[in-house]
Amino acid sequence: MLQCIYERIYEHRLRSRISKHELPVGLTLALTESDLLAPGGAKQLQSFVSWCADLGIGSLIVYIAVLVDGPLREDVASQIIDRLKRTDLIARMYTKDDQGLRTIPIGNGRPEVKLDISIGYGGKLELTDAIRAILRRVERGEIDYEDINSDMIESHLLFRHNPDLVIRAGGKHLTDFLIWQTIYSELYFTDVNFADMRRLDFLRIMRDYQKRQRRYGR
């Protein structure tokens, strides 16, 4: 009981100190399907979004890696979508199947945090789709090959948000998500699994981010 009180006091002081310094404007959270399909996984994501809102972080992209292949892939993606639909989250979900890329809105109202959730739609797929879209424009005569540059590629990406910070929950390896957009992002790998992440852990991540000297590739 006493330890719990001390922890709350420490958490309150830490939040107060953090709020006085620069915070990431955009944030990306990388998860796996196990994180969301575990008991309480969707509720934990709701908590994470509320932590972002409390600190005034305006944009969050969540990537949920689907690690299975074949027919099971769409089944797992559907399970994740169903779980998220039963939450109070206000977001746009994106997933790709045989019918192409689908956008699935959930929730109503004006969210405190702009939330995009990518379900199994990784960076390789996103970049491949962008290049294919550009080549189709070339074939139609809308643009020339010489017109293709980095700005054009960026304009054809689904996610045009360059996050300041990428959090990889409970893992030591990067995913292939936002491989174009995260070239200058700060990376943080958590020691705890997503299910065990507390608000205090989140605040410590923000403190770590504030201590870093960003070089933006320099």
Protein backbone atom coordinates (compact mmCIF):
# COMPACT_ATOMS: atom_id res chain seq x y z
CA MET A 1 0.00 0.00 0.00
CA LEU A 2 2.76 2.43 1.00
CA GLN A 3 4.78 1.52 -2.08
CA CYS A 4 1.75 2.23 -4.25
CA ILE A 5 1.40 5.70 -2.72
CA TYR A 6 5.10 6.45 -3.28
CA GLU A 7 4.79 5.30 -6.88
CA ARG A 8 1.83 7.60 -7.51
CA ILE A 9 3.67 10.57 -6.01
CA TYR A 10 6.73 9.81 -8.15
CA GLU A 11 4.54 9.41 -11.24
CA HIS A 12 2.85 12.75 -10.58
CA ARG A 13 6.19 14.55 -10.16
CA LEU A 14 7.63 12.91 -13.26
CA ARG A 15 4.64 13.93 -15.36
CA SER A 16 4.94 17.50 -14.06
CA ARG A 17 8.62 17.71 -15.05
CA ILE A 18 8.06 16.13 -18.45
CA SER A 19 5.22 18.48 -19.35
CA LYS A 20 7.58 21.47 -19.07
CA HIS A 21 9.84 20.25 -21.89
CA GLU A 22 9.48 19.34 -25.55
CA LEU A 23 7.47 16.21 -26.27
CA PRO A 24 7.15 14.25 -29.51
CA VAL A 25 4.49 15.72 -31.76
CA GLY A 26 4.00 12.43 -33.56
CA LEU A 27 4.42 8.98 -32.10
CA THR A 28 4.44 5.45 -33.54
CA LEU A 29 3.80 2.32 -31.49
CA ALA A 30 4.84 -1.03 -32.96
CA LEU A 31 3.03 -4.13 -31.70
CA THR A 32 2.32 -7.70 -32.81
CA GLU A 33 -1.00 -9.48 -33.16
CA SER A 34 -0.29 -11.27 -29.86
CA ASP A 35 -0.27 -7.94 -28.04
CA LEU A 36 -3.78 -7.08 -29.25
CA LEU A 37 -5.34 -10.54 -29.08
CA ALA A 38 -4.07 -11.23 -25.57
CA PRO A 39 -6.65 -10.75 -22.80
CA GLY A 40 -6.94 -7.03 -22.14
CA GLY A 41 -4.83 -6.12 -25.17
CA ALA A 42 -7.37 -3.76 -26.75
CA LYS A 43 -8.06 -2.14 -23.38
CA GLN A 44 -4.33 -1.60 -22.89
CA LEU A 45 -4.21 0.19 -26.24
CA GLN A 46 -7.01 2.47 -25.04
CA SER A 47 -4.92 3.27 -21.97
CA PHE A 48 -1.89 4.04 -24.13
CA VAL A 49 -3.92 6.45 -26.26
CA SER A 50 -5.19 8.18 -23.11
CA TRP A 51 -1.60 8.59 -21.87
CA CYS A 52 -0.75 10.31 -25.16
CA ALA A 53 -3.79 12.57 -24.88
CA ASP A 54 -2.86 13.53 -21.32
CA LEU A 55 0.53 14.84 -22.51
CA GLY A 56 -0.90 16.60 -25.55
CA ILE A 57 0.63 14.26 -28.13
CA GLY A 58 -1.54 14.95 -31.14
CA SER A 59 -0.76 12.10 -33.52
CA LEU A 60 -0.31 8.37 -32.98
CA ILE A 61 0.15 5.60 -35.53
CA VAL A 62 -0.12 2.05 -34.23
CA TYR A 63 1.32 -0.78 -36.29
CA ILE A 64 0.09 -4.27 -35.48
CA ALA A 65 2.32 -6.81 -37.20
CA VAL A 66 0.52 -9.95 -38.37
CA LEU A 67 3.18 -12.63 -38.22
CA VAL A 68 1.22 -15.52 -39.74
CA ASP A 69 0.95 -16.17 -43.48
CA GLY A 70 -1.53 -17.80 -45.82
CA PRO A 71 -5.25 -18.12 -45.09
CA LEU A 72 -4.70 -17.50 -41.36
CA ARG A 73 -3.43 -13.99 -42.06
CA GLU A 74 -6.84 -12.57 -42.97
CA ASP A 75 -8.46 -14.45 -40.07
CA VAL A 76 -6.04 -12.89 -37.58
CA ALA A 77 -6.53 -9.43 -39.10
CA SER A 78 -10.32 -9.86 -38.82
CA GLN A 79 -10.00 -10.84 -35.15
CA ILE A 80 -7.96 -7.72 -34.44
CA ILE A 81 -10.48 -5.52 -36.26
CA ASP A 82 -13.36 -7.05 -34.27
CA ARG A 83 -11.54 -6.46 -30.98
CA LEU A 84 -10.83 -2.83 -31.80
CA LYS A 85 -14.40 -2.20 -32.95
CA ARG A 86 -15.56 -3.09 -29.44
CA THR A 87 -13.45 -0.35 -27.85
CA ASP A 88 -14.15 3.35 -27.39
CA LEU A 89 -11.30 4.28 -29.72
CA ILE A 90 -11.85 6.79 -32.51
CA ALA A 91 -9.52 5.82 -35.33
CA ARG A 92 -9.00 4.77 -38.89
CA MET A 93 -7.83 1.20 -39.38
CA TYR A 94 -6.00 0.03 -42.49
CA THR A 95 -5.49 -3.51 -43.71
CA LYS A 96 -4.82 -5.18 -47.06
CA ASP A 97 -6.40 -8.36 -48.38
CA ASP A 98 -7.27 -9.89 -51.76
CA GLN A 99 -9.64 -6.99 -52.39
CA GLY A 100 -6.87 -4.43 -51.90
CA LEU A 101 -6.23 -1.85 -49.21
CA ARG A 102 -9.22 -1.25 -46.94
CA THR A 103 -9.91 1.71 -44.69
CA ILE A 104 -12.14 0.96 -41.70
CA PRO A 105 -13.24 3.86 -39.48
CA ILE A 106 -14.23 3.13 -35.88
CA GLY A 107 -15.79 5.32 -33.22
CA ASN A 108 -17.56 8.65 -33.44
CA GLY A 109 -16.76 12.18 -32.39
CA ARG A 110 -13.64 14.29 -32.39
CA PRO A 111 -10.64 12.43 -30.96
CA GLU A 112 -8.07 14.02 -28.66
CA VAL A 113 -5.38 12.09 -30.51
CA LYS A 114 -5.38 11.52 -34.28
CA LEU A 115 -5.14 7.75 -34.33
CA ASP A 116 -4.29 5.55 -37.32
CA ILE A 117 -3.99 1.79 -36.91
CA SER A 118 -2.22 -0.31 -39.52
CA ILE A 119 -3.02 -4.02 -39.29
CA GLY A 120 -0.37 -6.03 -41.10
CA TYR A 121 0.23 -3.30 -43.69
CA GLY A 122 3.96 -2.86 -43.34
CA GLY A 123 6.46 -0.51 -44.88
CA LYS A 124 7.49 -2.81 -47.73
CA LEU A 125 3.88 -3.14 -48.87
CA GLU A 126 3.31 0.59 -48.50
CA LEU A 127 6.40 1.50 -50.52
CA THR A 128 5.62 -1.11 -53.18
CA ASP A 129 2.08 0.23 -53.56
CA ALA A 130 3.40 3.79 -53.83
CA ILE A 131 5.86 2.85 -56.59
CA ARG A 132 3.18 0.93 -58.48
CA ALA A 133 0.84 3.92 -58.29
CA ILE A 134 3.55 6.21 -59.67
CA LEU A 135 4.35 3.79 -62.52
CA ARG A 136 0.67 3.63 -63.45
CA ARG A 137 0.69 7.42 -63.76
CA VAL A 138 3.73 7.16 -66.02
CA GLU A 139 1.94 4.59 -68.20
CA ARG A 140 -1.07 6.90 -68.50
CA GLY A 141 1.20 9.72 -69.60
CA GLU A 142 0.40 11.90 -66.57
CA ILE A 143 4.06 12.20 -65.58
CA ASP A 144 7.49 11.37 -67.00
CA TYR A 145 10.07 9.11 -65.38
CA GLU A 146 12.22 12.20 -64.85
CA ASP A 147 9.50 13.66 -62.64
CA ILE A 148 9.89 10.90 -60.05
CA ASN A 149 11.68 12.15 -56.93
CA SER A 150 11.51 11.69 -53.18
CA ASP A 151 8.72 14.24 -52.80
CA MET A 152 6.58 12.38 -55.30
CA ILE A 153 7.17 9.06 -53.56
CA GLU A 154 6.22 10.60 -50.22
CA SER A 155 3.03 12.00 -51.71
CA HIS A 156 1.95 8.48 -52.73
CA LEU A 157 2.56 6.88 -49.33
CA LEU A 158 -0.47 6.05 -47.20
CA PHE A 159 1.10 7.48 -44.05
CA ARG A 160 2.64 10.91 -44.63
CA HIS A 161 3.49 11.38 -41.00
CA ASN A 162 7.15 11.38 -39.91
CA PRO A 163 7.08 10.34 -36.25
CA ASP A 164 9.48 11.89 -33.79
CA LEU A 165 9.58 8.69 -31.74
CA VAL A 166 8.96 5.00 -32.49
CA ILE A 167 8.24 2.73 -29.53
CA ARG A 168 8.76 -0.99 -30.06
CA ALA A 169 6.91 -2.74 -27.26
CA GLY A 170 8.54 -5.83 -25.78
CA GLY A 171 10.88 -6.45 -28.70
CA LYS A 172 14.51 -5.97 -29.66
CA HIS A 173 14.11 -5.86 -33.42
CA LEU A 174 12.65 -3.24 -35.73
CA THR A 175 9.58 -3.96 -37.81
CA ASP A 176 9.37 -2.93 -41.45
CA PHE A 177 6.70 -0.33 -40.69
CA LEU A 178 7.18 3.23 -41.99
CA ILE A 179 10.59 2.36 -43.41
CA TRP A 180 10.58 5.58 -45.43
CA GLN A 181 9.12 7.90 -42.81
CA THR A 182 11.18 6.86 -39.77
CA ILE A 183 14.66 7.45 -41.16
CA TYR A 184 15.23 10.30 -38.68
CA SER A 185 12.96 9.07 -35.90
CA GLU A 186 14.18 8.26 -32.41
CA LEU A 187 13.75 4.58 -31.47
CA TYR A 188 12.88 3.13 -28.08
CA PHE A 189 12.69 -0.58 -27.24
CA THR A 190 10.77 -1.32 -24.05
CA ASP A 191 11.96 -3.82 -21.45
CA VAL A 192 8.39 -4.79 -20.64
CA ASN A 193 5.77 -6.42 -22.82
CA PHE A 194 2.89 -4.25 -23.96
CA ALA A 195 0.47 -5.98 -21.58
CA ASP A 196 2.66 -5.01 -18.60
CA MET A 197 3.35 -1.43 -19.66
CA ARG A 198 2.27 1.12 -17.06
CA ARG A 199 1.70 4.84 -17.33
CA LEU A 200 4.91 5.23 -15.34
CA ASP A 201 6.81 3.28 -18.01
CA PHE A 202 5.32 5.55 -20.67
CA LEU A 203 6.42 8.66 -18.77
CA ARG A 204 9.94 7.26 -18.48
CA ILE A 205 10.02 6.76 -22.24
CA MET A 206 9.10 10.42 -22.69
CA ARG A 207 11.83 11.43 -20.23
CA ASP A 208 14.36 9.37 -22.18
CA TYR A 209 13.26 11.05 -25.41
CA GLN A 210 13.74 14.50 -23.89
CA LYS A 211 17.30 13.67 -22.85
CA ARG A 212 18.34 12.72 -26.37
CA GLN A 213 20.08 15.05 -28.80
CA ARG A 214 18.39 14.58 -32.14
CA ARG A 215 20.69 14.80 -35.16
CA TYR A 216 18.22 14.18 -38.02
CA GLY A 217 20.78 12.16 -39.96
CA ARG A 218 23.65 14.58 -39.42
